[in-house]
Amino acid sequence: MKKYLVLSVALITLFGASFAFGYCNGVCGDINGDGSLDIADLTAFVHCYYENIYDPVCLTYNWACGDVNNDGGTTTVDLQILVDYMFNGGSIDCGN
């Protein structure tokens, strides 16, 4: 039991700090990989980052595409940028 607790704490620490695996091979901001940047990506971000990091579907997402400020990790700053982009006409850098 203790081993699982340590593993759980390690996963929470890892995923709570930042998501980023590999590189974005799709649409910048398209976390769920459906080919477009839309509200579904915000929903996926919130669901996995804040609510349920253990959901297996979260491991299928391309978190590197969520790194919209191109700082090497997908964090709450990227979420703020995505919200600003979708609802306030903000811009996304994505290293372009």
Protein backbone atom coordinates (compact mmCIF):
# COMPACT_ATOMS: atom_id res chain seq x y z
CA MET A 1 0.00 0.00 0.00
CA LYS A 2 2.82 2.39 0.88
CA LYS A 3 4.42 1.81 -2.53
CA TYR A 4 1.19 2.88 -4.28
CA LEU A 5 0.90 5.97 -2.12
CA VAL A 6 4.43 7.04 -3.04
CA LEU A 7 3.69 6.40 -6.73
CA SER A 8 0.47 8.42 -6.48
CA VAL A 9 2.26 11.35 -4.88
CA ALA A 10 4.96 11.18 -7.54
CA LEU A 11 2.35 11.22 -10.34
CA ILE A 12 0.48 14.11 -8.78
CA THR A 13 3.74 16.03 -8.43
CA LEU A 14 4.73 15.27 -12.01
CA PHE A 15 1.40 15.99 -13.63
CA GLY A 16 0.42 18.82 -11.31
CA ALA A 17 3.48 20.81 -12.30
CA SER A 18 3.42 20.50 -16.06
CA PHE A 19 2.32 18.26 -18.91
CA ALA A 20 4.56 17.98 -21.93
CA PHE A 21 5.45 14.87 -23.85
CA GLY A 22 7.29 14.95 -27.15
CA TYR A 23 6.40 17.58 -29.69
CA CYS A 24 3.24 18.96 -31.21
CA ASN A 25 2.61 17.19 -34.49
CA GLY A 26 -0.77 18.75 -35.06
CA VAL A 27 -2.72 21.97 -34.53
CA CYS A 28 -1.25 24.23 -31.87
CA GLY A 29 -3.58 24.16 -28.85
CA ASP A 30 -5.34 20.98 -30.02
CA ILE A 31 -4.82 18.94 -26.86
CA ASN A 32 -7.42 16.27 -27.63
CA GLY A 33 -6.07 15.68 -31.14
CA ASP A 34 -9.32 16.09 -33.09
CA GLY A 35 -7.69 18.40 -35.62
CA SER A 36 -9.10 21.71 -34.39
CA LEU A 37 -8.65 24.14 -31.53
CA ASP A 38 -12.02 24.52 -29.82
CA ILE A 39 -13.89 24.35 -26.53
CA ALA A 40 -13.33 20.59 -26.39
CA ASP A 41 -9.63 21.28 -25.89
CA LEU A 42 -10.36 23.56 -22.94
CA THR A 43 -12.63 20.90 -21.47
CA ALA A 44 -9.94 18.23 -21.91
CA PHE A 45 -7.34 20.51 -20.31
CA VAL A 46 -9.48 21.23 -17.24
CA HIS A 47 -10.64 17.62 -16.89
CA CYS A 48 -7.15 16.15 -16.98
CA TYR A 49 -5.14 18.89 -15.33
CA TYR A 50 -7.46 19.70 -12.44
CA GLU A 51 -10.01 16.93 -12.04
CA ASN A 52 -8.75 13.50 -13.03
CA ILE A 53 -5.11 12.99 -13.96
CA TYR A 54 -5.61 9.24 -13.59
CA ASP A 55 -8.14 9.04 -16.43
CA PRO A 56 -6.47 6.84 -19.09
CA VAL A 57 -7.81 9.07 -21.88
CA CYS A 58 -5.64 11.90 -20.53
CA LEU A 59 -2.55 9.90 -21.47
CA THR A 60 -3.71 9.77 -25.09
CA TYR A 61 -3.76 13.55 -25.45
CA ASN A 62 -0.92 15.44 -27.10
CA TRP A 63 0.03 17.75 -24.23
CA ALA A 64 2.89 19.23 -26.25
CA CYS A 65 0.22 20.88 -28.46
CA GLY A 66 -1.14 22.51 -25.31
CA ASP A 67 2.13 24.39 -24.78
CA VAL A 68 0.77 27.48 -26.50
CA ASN A 69 3.36 29.86 -25.05
CA ASN A 70 6.22 27.58 -26.14
CA ASP A 71 7.98 27.43 -22.76
CA GLY A 72 8.48 23.67 -22.76
CA GLY A 73 5.49 22.59 -20.64
CA THR A 74 1.72 22.71 -20.59
CA THR A 75 0.68 24.59 -17.45
CA THR A 76 -2.07 26.83 -16.11
CA VAL A 77 -0.45 29.73 -17.98
CA ASP A 78 -1.24 27.92 -21.23
CA LEU A 79 -4.83 27.45 -20.07
CA GLN A 80 -5.13 31.20 -19.45
CA ILE A 81 -3.75 31.90 -22.92
CA LEU A 82 -6.21 29.44 -24.50
CA VAL A 83 -9.16 31.03 -22.70
CA ASP A 84 -8.01 34.50 -23.76
CA TYR A 85 -7.58 33.30 -27.35
CA MET A 86 -11.03 31.71 -27.55
CA PHE A 87 -13.08 34.29 -25.71
CA ASN A 88 -11.18 37.58 -25.97
CA GLY A 89 -9.42 37.41 -29.34
CA GLY A 90 -5.98 36.88 -27.82
CA SER A 91 -3.07 35.38 -29.71
CA ILE A 92 -1.18 32.10 -29.49
CA ASP A 93 2.58 31.93 -30.05
CA CYS A 94 3.35 28.19 -30.26
CA GLY A 95 6.87 28.95 -31.38
CA ASN A 96 5.88 30.28 -34.79
